């Protein structure tokens, strides 16, 4: 990182600077598995969403597959994705002052 605004937005924590990535993870954390259509209807429906799904999948946070019965594309949170989401929700809670934490 060369400056405060120089996060690599395609990897690591910097990827969450892209709109909707955390919302997708949070929804999958809550539901476990969703169709793409459910995410489009709940979060956003734009032509960049498939790229965002691919980015989350490449990072190992979700997996995508076609349901053989309905042919719908489904997204499922991975154990790594669940762990990352829980930790980000903890950070959010600390920032909002809803959780007491002990400094390291």
PDB file of N, CA and C in Angstrom:
ATOM      1  N   UNK A   1       0.850  -1.176   0.000  1.00  0.00           N
ATOM      2  CA  UNK A   1       0.000   0.000   0.000  1.00  0.00           C
ATOM      3  C   UNK A   1       0.892   1.233   0.000  1.00  0.00           C
ATOM      4  N   UNK A   2       0.678   2.112  -0.937  1.00  0.00           N
ATOM      5  CA  UNK A   2       1.532   3.291  -1.047  1.00  0.00           C
ATOM      6  C   UNK A   2       0.885   4.532  -0.452  1.00  0.00           C
ATOM      7  N   UNK A   3      -0.364   4.472  -0.105  1.00  0.00           N
ATOM      8  CA  UNK A   3      -1.063   5.605   0.505  1.00  0.00           C
ATOM      9  C   UNK A   3      -2.409   5.138   1.022  1.00  0.00           C
ATOM     10  N   UNK A   4      -3.082   5.999   1.738  1.00  0.00           N
ATOM     11  CA  UNK A   4      -4.342   5.593   2.340  1.00  0.00           C
ATOM     12  C   UNK A   4      -5.406   5.248   1.299  1.00  0.00           C
ATOM     13  N   UNK A   5      -5.347   5.808   0.144  1.00  0.00           N
ATOM     14  CA  UNK A   5      -6.334   5.517  -0.885  1.00  0.00           C
ATOM     15  C   UNK A   5      -5.857   4.502  -1.906  1.00  0.00           C
ATOM     16  N   UNK A   6      -4.720   3.867  -1.635  1.00  0.00           N
ATOM     17  CA  UNK A   6      -4.099   3.001  -2.637  1.00  0.00           C
ATOM     18  C   UNK A   6      -4.349   1.512  -2.382  1.00  0.00           C
ATOM     19  N   UNK A   7      -5.456   1.155  -1.754  1.00  0.00           N
ATOM     20  CA  UNK A   7      -5.778  -0.257  -1.545  1.00  0.00           C
ATOM     21  C   UNK A   7      -5.981  -0.932  -2.891  1.00  0.00           C
ATOM     22  N   UNK A   8      -5.529  -2.163  -2.998  1.00  0.00           N
ATOM     23  CA  UNK A   8      -5.796  -2.975  -4.182  1.00  0.00           C
ATOM     24  C   UNK A   8      -7.258  -3.397  -4.101  1.00  0.00           C
ATOM     25  N   UNK A   9      -8.093  -2.841  -4.957  1.00  0.00           N
ATOM     26  CA  UNK A   9      -9.530  -3.099  -4.870  1.00  0.00           C
ATOM     27  C   UNK A   9      -9.936  -4.442  -5.463  1.00  0.00           C
ATOM     28  N   UNK A  10      -8.978  -5.220  -5.931  1.00  0.00           N
ATOM     29  CA  UNK A  10      -9.286  -6.541  -6.474  1.00  0.00           C
ATOM     30  C   UNK A  10      -8.886  -7.665  -5.529  1.00  0.00           C
ATOM     31  N   UNK A  11      -8.308  -7.330  -4.380  1.00  0.00           N
ATOM     32  CA  UNK A  11      -7.837  -8.381  -3.469  1.00  0.00           C
ATOM     33  C   UNK A  11      -7.854  -7.893  -2.034  1.00  0.00           C
ATOM     34  N   UNK A  12      -7.845  -8.841  -1.115  1.00  0.00           N
ATOM     35  CA  UNK A  12      -7.772  -8.518   0.299  1.00  0.00           C
ATOM     36  C   UNK A  12      -8.907  -7.614   0.739  1.00  0.00           C
ATOM     37  N   UNK A  13      -8.665  -6.893   1.807  1.00  0.00           N
ATOM     38  CA  UNK A  13      -9.683  -6.009   2.365  1.00  0.00           C
ATOM     39  C   UNK A  13     -10.104  -4.920   1.385  1.00  0.00           C
ATOM     40  N   UNK A  14      -9.201  -4.525   0.512  1.00  0.00           N
ATOM     41  CA  UNK A  14      -9.517  -3.486  -0.468  1.00  0.00           C
ATOM     42  C   UNK A  14     -10.680  -3.832  -1.376  1.00  0.00           C
ATOM     43  N   UNK A  15     -10.928  -5.140  -1.578  1.00  0.00           N
ATOM     44  CA  UNK A  15     -12.035  -5.527  -2.457  1.00  0.00           C
ATOM     45  C   UNK A  15     -13.379  -5.020  -1.929  1.00  0.00           C
ATOM     46  N   UNK A  16     -13.471  -4.800  -0.610  1.00  0.00           N
ATOM     47  CA  UNK A  16     -14.735  -4.364  -0.034  1.00  0.00           C
ATOM     48  C   UNK A  16     -15.015  -2.883  -0.255  1.00  0.00           C
ATOM     49  N   UNK A  17     -14.102  -2.193  -0.937  1.00  0.00           N
ATOM     50  CA  UNK A  17     -14.393  -0.829  -1.366  1.00  0.00           C
ATOM     51  C   UNK A  17     -15.386  -0.839  -2.523  1.00  0.00           C
ATOM     52  N   UNK A  18     -15.496  -1.973  -3.203  1.00  0.00           N
ATOM     53  CA  UNK A  18     -16.445  -2.080  -4.315  1.00  0.00           C
ATOM     54  C   UNK A  18     -17.854  -2.231  -3.753  1.00  0.00           C
ATOM     55  N   UNK A  19     -18.760  -1.498  -4.338  1.00  0.00           N
ATOM     56  CA  UNK A  19     -20.144  -1.464  -3.887  1.00  0.00           C
ATOM     57  C   UNK A  19     -20.780  -2.854  -3.935  1.00  0.00           C
ATOM     58  N   UNK A  20     -21.535  -3.172  -2.928  1.00  0.00           N
ATOM     59  CA  UNK A  20     -22.365  -4.374  -2.797  1.00  0.00           C
ATOM     60  C   UNK A  20     -21.641  -5.633  -2.359  1.00  0.00           C
ATOM     61  N   UNK A  21     -20.318  -5.678  -2.338  1.00  0.00           N
ATOM     62  CA  UNK A  21     -19.638  -6.926  -1.996  1.00  0.00           C
ATOM     63  C   UNK A  21     -19.973  -7.387  -0.578  1.00  0.00           C
ATOM     64  N   UNK A  22     -19.935  -6.473   0.379  1.00  0.00           N
ATOM     65  CA  UNK A  22     -20.258  -6.892   1.737  1.00  0.00           C
ATOM     66  C   UNK A  22     -21.730  -7.245   1.868  1.00  0.00           C
ATOM     67  N   UNK A  23     -22.599  -6.517   1.191  1.00  0.00           N
ATOM     68  CA  UNK A  23     -24.037  -6.818   1.248  1.00  0.00           C
ATOM     69  C   UNK A  23     -24.314  -8.224   0.723  1.00  0.00           C
ATOM     70  N   UNK A  24     -23.628  -8.623  -0.337  1.00  0.00           N
ATOM     71  CA  UNK A  24     -23.795  -9.978  -0.883  1.00  0.00           C
ATOM     72  C   UNK A  24     -23.359 -11.003   0.153  1.00  0.00           C
ATOM     73  N   UNK A  25     -22.193 -10.793   0.753  1.00  0.00           N
ATOM     74  CA  UNK A  25     -21.700 -11.725   1.766  1.00  0.00           C
ATOM     75  C   UNK A  25     -22.635 -11.786   2.972  1.00  0.00           C
ATOM     76  N   UNK A  26     -23.112 -10.646   3.432  1.00  0.00           N
ATOM     77  CA  UNK A  26     -23.996 -10.612   4.596  1.00  0.00           C
ATOM     78  C   UNK A  26     -25.294 -11.358   4.315  1.00  0.00           C
ATOM     79  N   UNK A  27     -25.839 -11.187   3.115  1.00  0.00           N
ATOM     80  CA  UNK A  27     -27.069 -11.893   2.753  1.00  0.00           C
ATOM     81  C   UNK A  27     -26.837 -13.397   2.717  1.00  0.00           C
ATOM     82  N   UNK A  28     -25.728 -13.818   2.116  1.00  0.00           N
ATOM     83  CA  UNK A  28     -25.422 -15.244   2.059  1.00  0.00           C
ATOM     84  C   UNK A  28     -25.104 -15.797   3.442  1.00  0.00           C
ATOM     85  N   UNK A  29     -24.497 -14.990   4.297  1.00  0.00           N
ATOM     86  CA  UNK A  29     -24.221 -15.430   5.661  1.00  0.00           C
ATOM     87  C   UNK A  29     -25.526 -15.709   6.397  1.00  0.00           C
ATOM     88  N   UNK A  30     -26.515 -14.872   6.146  1.00  0.00           N
ATOM     89  CA  UNK A  30     -27.815 -15.031   6.807  1.00  0.00           C
ATOM     90  C   UNK A  30     -28.614 -16.190   6.225  1.00  0.00           C
ATOM     91  N   UNK A  31     -28.612 -16.323   4.897  1.00  0.00           N
ATOM     92  CA  UNK A  31     -29.455 -17.322   4.240  1.00  0.00           C
ATOM     93  C   UNK A  31     -28.738 -18.622   3.900  1.00  0.00           C
ATOM     94  N   UNK A  32     -27.419 -18.580   3.774  1.00  0.00           N
ATOM     95  CA  UNK A  32     -26.657 -19.767   3.387  1.00  0.00           C
ATOM     96  C   UNK A  32     -26.523 -19.904   1.885  1.00  0.00           C
ATOM     97  N   UNK A  33     -27.656 -20.052   1.198  1.00  0.00           N
ATOM     98  CA  UNK A  33     -27.680 -20.205  -0.258  1.00  0.00           C
ATOM     99  C   UNK A  33     -28.769 -19.295  -0.815  1.00  0.00           C
ATOM    100  N   UNK A  34     -28.463 -18.612  -1.917  1.00  0.00           N
ATOM    101  CA  UNK A  34     -29.436 -17.759  -2.603  1.00  0.00           C
ATOM    102  C   UNK A  34     -29.266 -17.939  -4.106  1.00  0.00           C
ATOM    103  N   UNK A  35     -30.312 -17.655  -4.824  1.00  0.00           N
ATOM    104  CA  UNK A  35     -30.174 -17.590  -6.281  1.00  0.00           C
ATOM    105  C   UNK A  35     -29.645 -16.194  -6.628  1.00  0.00           C
ATOM    106  N   UNK A  36     -29.078 -16.099  -7.810  1.00  0.00           N
ATOM    107  CA  UNK A  36     -28.643 -14.780  -8.276  1.00  0.00           C
ATOM    108  C   UNK A  36     -29.835 -13.823  -8.296  1.00  0.00           C
ATOM    109  N   UNK A  37     -31.005 -14.333  -8.730  1.00  0.00           N
ATOM    110  CA  UNK A  37     -32.191 -13.490  -8.835  1.00  0.00           C
ATOM    111  C   UNK A  37     -32.584 -12.916  -7.467  1.00  0.00           C
ATOM    112  N   UNK A  38     -32.469 -13.712  -6.411  1.00  0.00           N
ATOM    113  CA  UNK A  38     -32.781 -13.208  -5.067  1.00  0.00           C
ATOM    114  C   UNK A  38     -31.841 -12.065  -4.687  1.00  0.00           C
ATOM    115  N   UNK A  39     -30.581 -12.211  -5.040  1.00  0.00           N
ATOM    116  CA  UNK A  39     -29.612 -11.149  -4.746  1.00  0.00           C
ATOM    117  C   UNK A  39     -29.910  -9.921  -5.587  1.00  0.00           C
ATOM    118  N   UNK A  40     -30.218 -10.111  -6.874  1.00  0.00           N
ATOM    119  CA  UNK A  40     -30.563  -8.975  -7.735  1.00  0.00           C
ATOM    120  C   UNK A  40     -31.775  -8.232  -7.170  1.00  0.00           C
ATOM    121  N   UNK A  41     -32.785  -8.966  -6.717  1.00  0.00           N
ATOM    122  CA  UNK A  41     -34.012  -8.343  -6.215  1.00  0.00           C
ATOM    123  C   UNK A  41     -33.809  -7.664  -4.863  1.00  0.00           C
ATOM    124  N   UNK A  42     -32.884  -8.164  -4.054  1.00  0.00           N
ATOM    125  CA  UNK A  42     -32.685  -7.638  -2.707  1.00  0.00           C
ATOM    126  C   UNK A  42     -31.621  -6.552  -2.643  1.00  0.00           C
ATOM    127  N   UNK A  43     -30.527  -6.730  -3.372  1.00  0.00           N
ATOM    128  CA  UNK A  43     -29.386  -5.824  -3.237  1.00  0.00           C
ATOM    129  C   UNK A  43     -29.283  -4.857  -4.419  1.00  0.00           C
ATOM    130  N   UNK A  44     -29.120  -5.388  -5.605  1.00  0.00           N
ATOM    131  CA  UNK A  44     -28.980  -4.542  -6.795  1.00  0.00           C
ATOM    132  C   UNK A  44     -29.057  -5.414  -8.035  1.00  0.00           C
ATOM    133  N   UNK A  45     -29.508  -4.830  -9.101  1.00  0.00           N
ATOM    134  CA  UNK A  45     -29.566  -5.524 -10.379  1.00  0.00           C
ATOM    135  C   UNK A  45     -28.884  -4.646 -11.419  1.00  0.00           C
ATOM    136  N   UNK A  46     -27.585  -4.879 -11.580  1.00  0.00           N
ATOM    137  CA  UNK A  46     -26.857  -4.132 -12.602  1.00  0.00           C
ATOM    138  C   UNK A  46     -25.886  -5.066 -13.311  1.00  0.00           C
ATOM    139  N   UNK A  47     -25.353  -4.629 -14.403  1.00  0.00           N
ATOM    140  CA  UNK A  47     -24.520  -5.503 -15.233  1.00  0.00           C
ATOM    141  C   UNK A  47     -23.152  -5.814 -14.633  1.00  0.00           C
ATOM    142  N   UNK A  48     -22.793  -5.208 -13.501  1.00  0.00           N
ATOM    143  CA  UNK A  48     -21.513  -5.489 -12.846  1.00  0.00           C
ATOM    144  C   UNK A  48     -21.620  -6.570 -11.772  1.00  0.00           C
ATOM    145  N   UNK A  49     -22.833  -6.975 -11.435  1.00  0.00           N
ATOM    146  CA  UNK A  49     -23.011  -7.956 -10.357  1.00  0.00           C
ATOM    147  C   UNK A  49     -22.307  -9.286 -10.654  1.00  0.00           C
ATOM    148  N   UNK A  50     -22.402  -9.842 -11.856  1.00  0.00           N
ATOM    149  CA  UNK A  50     -21.686 -11.101 -12.111  1.00  0.00           C
ATOM    150  C   UNK A  50     -20.173 -10.986 -11.865  1.00  0.00           C
ATOM    151  N   UNK A  51     -19.593  -9.820 -12.163  1.00  0.00           N
ATOM    152  CA  UNK A  51     -18.172  -9.596 -11.890  1.00  0.00           C
ATOM    153  C   UNK A  51     -17.907  -9.628 -10.384  1.00  0.00           C
ATOM    154  N   UNK A  52     -18.835  -9.095  -9.619  1.00  0.00           N
ATOM    155  CA  UNK A  52     -18.680  -9.084  -8.162  1.00  0.00           C
ATOM    156  C   UNK A  52     -18.807 -10.495  -7.595  1.00  0.00           C
ATOM    157  N   UNK A  53     -19.734 -11.270  -8.135  1.00  0.00           N
ATOM    158  CA  UNK A  53     -19.849 -12.669  -7.712  1.00  0.00           C
ATOM    159  C   UNK A  53     -18.543 -13.405  -8.017  1.00  0.00           C
ATOM    160  N   UNK A  54     -17.995 -13.172  -9.203  1.00  0.00           N
ATOM    161  CA  UNK A  54     -16.748 -13.833  -9.608  1.00  0.00           C
ATOM    162  C   UNK A  54     -15.598 -13.427  -8.686  1.00  0.00           C
ATOM    163  N   UNK A  55     -15.549 -12.168  -8.295  1.00  0.00           N
ATOM    164  CA  UNK A  55     -14.490 -11.686  -7.407  1.00  0.00           C
ATOM    165  C   UNK A  55     -14.586 -12.383  -6.046  1.00  0.00           C
ATOM    166  N   UNK A  56     -15.796 -12.486  -5.503  1.00  0.00           N
ATOM    167  CA  UNK A  56     -15.991 -13.162  -4.221  1.00  0.00           C
ATOM    168  C   UNK A  56     -15.652 -14.646  -4.327  1.00  0.00           C
ATOM    169  N   UNK A  57     -15.989 -15.244  -5.465  1.00  0.00           N
ATOM    170  CA  UNK A  57     -15.679 -16.656  -5.666  1.00  0.00           C
ATOM    171  C   UNK A  57     -14.173 -16.863  -5.792  1.00  0.00           C
ATOM    172  N   UNK A  58     -13.500 -16.001  -6.528  1.00  0.00           N
ATOM    173  CA  UNK A  58     -12.053 -16.117  -6.703  1.00  0.00           C
ATOM    174  C   UNK A  58     -11.325 -15.978  -5.363  1.00  0.00           C
ATOM    175  N   UNK A  59     -11.883 -15.171  -4.465  1.00  0.00           N
ATOM    176  CA  UNK A  59     -11.286 -14.997  -3.133  1.00  0.00           C
ATOM    177  C   UNK A  59     -11.621 -16.168  -2.205  1.00  0.00           C
ATOM    178  N   UNK A  60     -12.453 -17.086  -2.669  1.00  0.00           N
ATOM    179  CA  UNK A  60     -12.816 -18.248  -1.861  1.00  0.00           C
ATOM    180  C   UNK A  60     -13.899 -17.983  -0.833  1.00  0.00           C
ATOM    181  N   UNK A  61     -14.645 -16.875  -1.011  1.00  0.00           N
ATOM    182  CA  UNK A  61     -15.658 -16.495  -0.033  1.00  0.00           C
ATOM    183  C   UNK A  61     -17.036 -17.062  -0.369  1.00  0.00           C
ATOM    184  N   UNK A  62     -17.294 -17.312  -1.644  1.00  0.00           N
ATOM    185  CA  UNK A  62     -18.552 -17.928  -2.070  1.00  0.00           C
ATOM    186  C   UNK A  62     -18.245 -18.959  -3.140  1.00  0.00           C
ATOM    187  N   UNK A  63     -19.243 -19.796  -3.436  1.00  0.00           N
ATOM    188  CA  UNK A  63     -19.150 -20.654  -4.615  1.00  0.00           C
ATOM    189  C   UNK A  63     -20.452 -20.497  -5.388  1.00  0.00           C
ATOM    190  N   UNK A  64     -20.336 -20.617  -6.700  1.00  0.00           N
ATOM    191  CA  UNK A  64     -21.486 -20.501  -7.590  1.00  0.00           C
ATOM    192  C   UNK A  64     -21.689 -21.829  -8.299  1.00  0.00           C
ATOM    193  N   UNK A  65     -22.949 -22.191  -8.485  1.00  0.00           N
ATOM    194  CA  UNK A  65     -23.249 -23.423  -9.222  1.00  0.00           C
ATOM    195  C   UNK A  65     -24.661 -23.348  -9.777  1.00  0.00           C
ATOM    196  N   UNK A  66     -24.900 -24.131 -10.785  1.00  0.00           N
ATOM    197  CA  UNK A  66     -26.230 -24.188 -11.384  1.00  0.00           C
ATOM    198  C   UNK A  66     -27.023 -25.305 -10.717  1.00  0.00           C
ATOM    199  N   UNK A  67     -28.223 -24.978 -10.236  1.00  0.00           N
ATOM    200  CA  UNK A  67     -29.111 -25.972  -9.640  1.00  0.00           C
ATOM    201  C   UNK A  67     -29.593 -26.897 -10.753  1.00  0.00           C
ATOM    202  N   UNK A  68     -29.337 -28.207 -10.649  1.00  0.00           N
ATOM    203  CA  UNK A  68     -29.715 -29.118 -11.730  1.00  0.00           C
ATOM    204  C   UNK A  68     -31.230 -29.252 -11.915  1.00  0.00           C
ATOM    205  N   UNK A  69     -31.993 -28.965 -10.881  1.00  0.00           N
ATOM    206  CA  UNK A  69     -33.451 -29.094 -10.987  1.00  0.00           C
ATOM    207  C   UNK A  69     -34.120 -27.869 -11.579  1.00  0.00           C
ATOM    208  N   UNK A  70     -33.656 -26.684 -11.183  1.00  0.00           N
ATOM    209  CA  UNK A  70     -34.310 -25.451 -11.648  1.00  0.00           C
ATOM    210  C   UNK A  70     -33.483 -24.701 -12.683  1.00  0.00           C
ATOM    211  N   UNK A  71     -32.226 -25.083 -12.831  1.00  0.00           N
ATOM    212  CA  UNK A  71     -31.268 -24.429 -13.723  1.00  0.00           C
ATOM    213  C   UNK A  71     -30.912 -23.008 -13.283  1.00  0.00           C
ATOM    214  N   UNK A  72     -31.383 -22.600 -12.097  1.00  0.00           N
ATOM    215  CA  UNK A  72     -31.044 -21.280 -11.562  1.00  0.00           C
ATOM    216  C   UNK A  72     -29.593 -21.295 -11.077  1.00  0.00           C
ATOM    217  N   UNK A  73     -28.920 -20.163 -11.229  1.00  0.00           N
ATOM    218  CA  UNK A  73     -27.579 -20.024 -10.672  1.00  0.00           C
ATOM    219  C   UNK A  73     -27.715 -19.727  -9.191  1.00  0.00           C
ATOM    220  N   UNK A  74     -27.021 -20.527  -8.382  1.00  0.00           N
ATOM    221  CA  UNK A  74     -27.068 -20.351  -6.936  1.00  0.00           C
ATOM    222  C   UNK A  74     -25.706 -19.940  -6.423  1.00  0.00           C
ATOM    223  N   UNK A  75     -25.727 -19.181  -5.354  1.00  0.00           N
ATOM    224  CA  UNK A  75     -24.509 -18.748  -4.675  1.00  0.00           C
ATOM    225  C   UNK A  75     -24.595 -19.244  -3.247  1.00  0.00           C
ATOM    226  N   UNK A  76     -23.454 -19.741  -2.754  1.00  0.00           N
ATOM    227  CA  UNK A  76     -23.396 -20.282  -1.406  1.00  0.00           C
ATOM    228  C   UNK A  76     -22.150 -19.746  -0.715  1.00  0.00           C
ATOM    229  N   UNK A  77     -22.304 -19.340   0.529  1.00  0.00           N
ATOM    230  CA  UNK A  77     -21.154 -18.853   1.284  1.00  0.00           C
ATOM    231  C   UNK A  77     -20.286 -20.044   1.679  1.00  0.00           C
ATOM    232  N   UNK A  78     -18.978 -19.855   1.638  1.00  0.00           N
ATOM    233  CA  UNK A  78     -18.037 -20.903   2.036  1.00  0.00           C
ATOM    234  C   UNK A  78     -17.702 -20.718   3.519  1.00  0.00           C
ATOM    235  N   UNK A  79     -17.068 -21.710   4.134  1.00  0.00           N
ATOM    236  CA  UNK A  79     -16.626 -21.511   5.526  1.00  0.00           C
ATOM    237  C   UNK A  79     -15.710 -20.284   5.674  1.00  0.00           C
ATOM    238  N   UNK A  80     -14.823 -20.080   4.711  1.00  0.00           N
ATOM    239  CA  UNK A  80     -13.949 -18.901   4.742  1.00  0.00           C
ATOM    240  C   UNK A  80     -14.788 -17.627   4.643  1.00  0.00           C
ATOM    241  N   UNK A  81     -15.788 -17.622   3.759  1.00  0.00           N
ATOM    242  CA  UNK A  81     -16.664 -16.463   3.603  1.00  0.00           C
ATOM    243  C   UNK A  81     -17.448 -16.169   4.869  1.00  0.00           C
ATOM    244  N   UNK A  82     -17.900 -17.224   5.537  1.00  0.00           N
ATOM    245  CA  UNK A  82     -18.631 -17.079   6.799  1.00  0.00           C
ATOM    246  C   UNK A  82     -17.716 -16.466   7.860  1.00  0.00           C
ATOM    247  N   UNK A  83     -16.488 -16.951   7.943  1.00  0.00           N
ATOM    248  CA  UNK A  83     -15.526 -16.429   8.911  1.00  0.00           C
ATOM    249  C   UNK A  83     -15.238 -14.950   8.653  1.00  0.00           C
ATOM    250  N   UNK A  84     -14.989 -14.589   7.401  1.00  0.00           N
ATOM    251  CA  UNK A  84     -14.710 -13.192   7.048  1.00  0.00           C
ATOM    252  C   UNK A  84     -15.915 -12.318   7.379  1.00  0.00           C
ATOM    253  N   UNK A  85     -17.110 -12.772   7.043  1.00  0.00           N
ATOM    254  CA  UNK A  85     -18.319 -11.982   7.291  1.00  0.00           C
ATOM    255  C   UNK A  85     -18.525 -11.757   8.780  1.00  0.00           C
ATOM    256  N   UNK A  86     -18.373 -12.804   9.579  1.00  0.00           N
ATOM    257  CA  UNK A  86     -18.543 -12.672  11.026  1.00  0.00           C
ATOM    258  C   UNK A  86     -17.541 -11.670  11.593  1.00  0.00           C
ATOM    259  N   UNK A  87     -16.303 -11.737  11.124  1.00  0.00           N
ATOM    260  CA  UNK A  87     -15.284 -10.799  11.616  1.00  0.00           C
ATOM    261  C   UNK A  87     -15.593  -9.358  11.197  1.00  0.00           C
ATOM    262  N   UNK A  88     -16.065  -9.176   9.972  1.00  0.00           N
ATOM    263  CA  UNK A  88     -16.420  -7.823   9.526  1.00  0.00           C
ATOM    264  C   UNK A  88     -17.622  -7.298  10.293  1.00  0.00           C
ATOM    265  N   UNK A  89     -18.573  -8.158  10.612  1.00  0.00           N
ATOM    266  CA  UNK A  89     -19.718  -7.742  11.424  1.00  0.00           C
ATOM    267  C   UNK A  89     -19.275  -7.362  12.835  1.00  0.00           C
ATOM    268  N   UNK A  90     -18.269  -8.057  13.384  1.00  0.00           N
ATOM    269  CA  UNK A  90     -17.718  -7.703  14.693  1.00  0.00           C
ATOM    270  C   UNK A  90     -17.056  -6.327  14.639  1.00  0.00           C
ATOM    271  N   UNK A  91     -16.304  -6.060  13.578  1.00  0.00           N
ATOM    272  CA  UNK A  91     -15.670  -4.745  13.417  1.00  0.00           C
ATOM    273  C   UNK A  91     -16.748  -3.666  13.337  1.00  0.00           C
ATOM    274  N   UNK A  92     -17.800  -3.923  12.573  1.00  0.00           N
ATOM    275  CA  UNK A  92     -18.905  -2.973  12.455  1.00  0.00           C
ATOM    276  C   UNK A  92     -19.523  -2.690  13.824  1.00  0.00           C
ATOM    277  N   UNK A  93     -19.708  -3.726  14.608  1.00  0.00           N
ATOM    278  CA  UNK A  93     -20.296  -3.577  15.937  1.00  0.00           C
ATOM    279  C   UNK A  93     -19.394  -2.739  16.848  1.00  0.00           C
ATOM    280  N   UNK A  94     -18.098  -2.967  16.778  1.00  0.00           N
ATOM    281  CA  UNK A  94     -17.143  -2.184  17.573  1.00  0.00           C
ATOM    282  C   UNK A  94     -17.202  -0.712  17.169  1.00  0.00           C
ATOM    283  N   UNK A  95     -17.198  -0.451  15.872  1.00  0.00           N
ATOM    284  CA  UNK A  95     -17.236   0.933  15.377  1.00  0.00           C
ATOM    285  C   UNK A  95     -18.513   1.634  15.830  1.00  0.00           C
ATOM    286  N   UNK A  96     -19.620   0.915  15.796  1.00  0.00           N
ATOM    287  CA  UNK A  96     -20.900   1.503  16.202  1.00  0.00           C
ATOM    288  C   UNK A  96     -21.030   1.625  17.719  1.00  0.00           C
ATOM    289  N   UNK A  97     -20.092   1.036  18.453  1.00  0.00           N
ATOM    290  CA  UNK A  97     -20.116   1.126  19.905  1.00  0.00           C
ATOM    291  C   UNK A  97     -21.048   0.127  20.563  1.00  0.00           C
ATOM    292  N   UNK A  98     -21.427  -0.913  19.830  1.00  0.00           N
ATOM    293  CA  UNK A  98     -22.365  -1.900  20.360  1.00  0.00           C
ATOM    294  C   UNK A  98     -21.683  -3.060  21.065  1.00  0.00           C
ATOM    295  N   UNK A  99     -20.378  -3.084  21.024  1.00  0.00           N
ATOM    296  CA  UNK A  99     -19.653  -4.211  21.609  1.00  0.00           C
ATOM    297  C   UNK A  99     -18.424  -3.708  22.322  1.00  0.00           C
ATOM    298  N   UNK A 100     -18.222  -4.206  23.528  1.00  0.00           N
ATOM    299  CA  UNK A 100     -17.016  -3.859  24.270  1.00  0.00           C
ATOM    300  C   UNK A 100     -15.884  -4.755  23.782  1.00  0.00           C
ATOM    301  N   UNK A 101     -14.738  -4.203  23.592  1.00  0.00           N
ATOM    302  CA  UNK A 101     -13.592  -5.003  23.185  1.00  0.00           C
ATOM    303  C   UNK A 101     -12.388  -4.616  23.992  1.00  0.00           C
ATOM    304  N   UNK A 102     -11.506  -5.558  24.159  1.00  0.00           N
ATOM    305  CA  UNK A 102     -10.266  -5.322  24.883  1.00  0.00           C
ATOM    306  C   UNK A 102      -9.169  -5.065  23.875  1.00  0.00           C
ATOM    307  N   UNK A 103      -8.414  -3.984  24.027  1.00  0.00           N
ATOM    308  CA  UNK A 103      -7.323  -3.706  23.095  1.00  0.00           C
ATOM    309  C   UNK A 103      -6.266  -4.810  23.168  1.00  0.00           C
ATOM    310  N   UNK A 104      -5.620  -5.034  22.067  1.00  0.00           N
ATOM    311  CA  UNK A 104      -4.577  -6.068  21.998  1.00  0.00           C
ATOM    312  C   UNK A 104      -3.336  -5.578  22.689  1.00  0.00           C
TER     313      UNK A 104
END
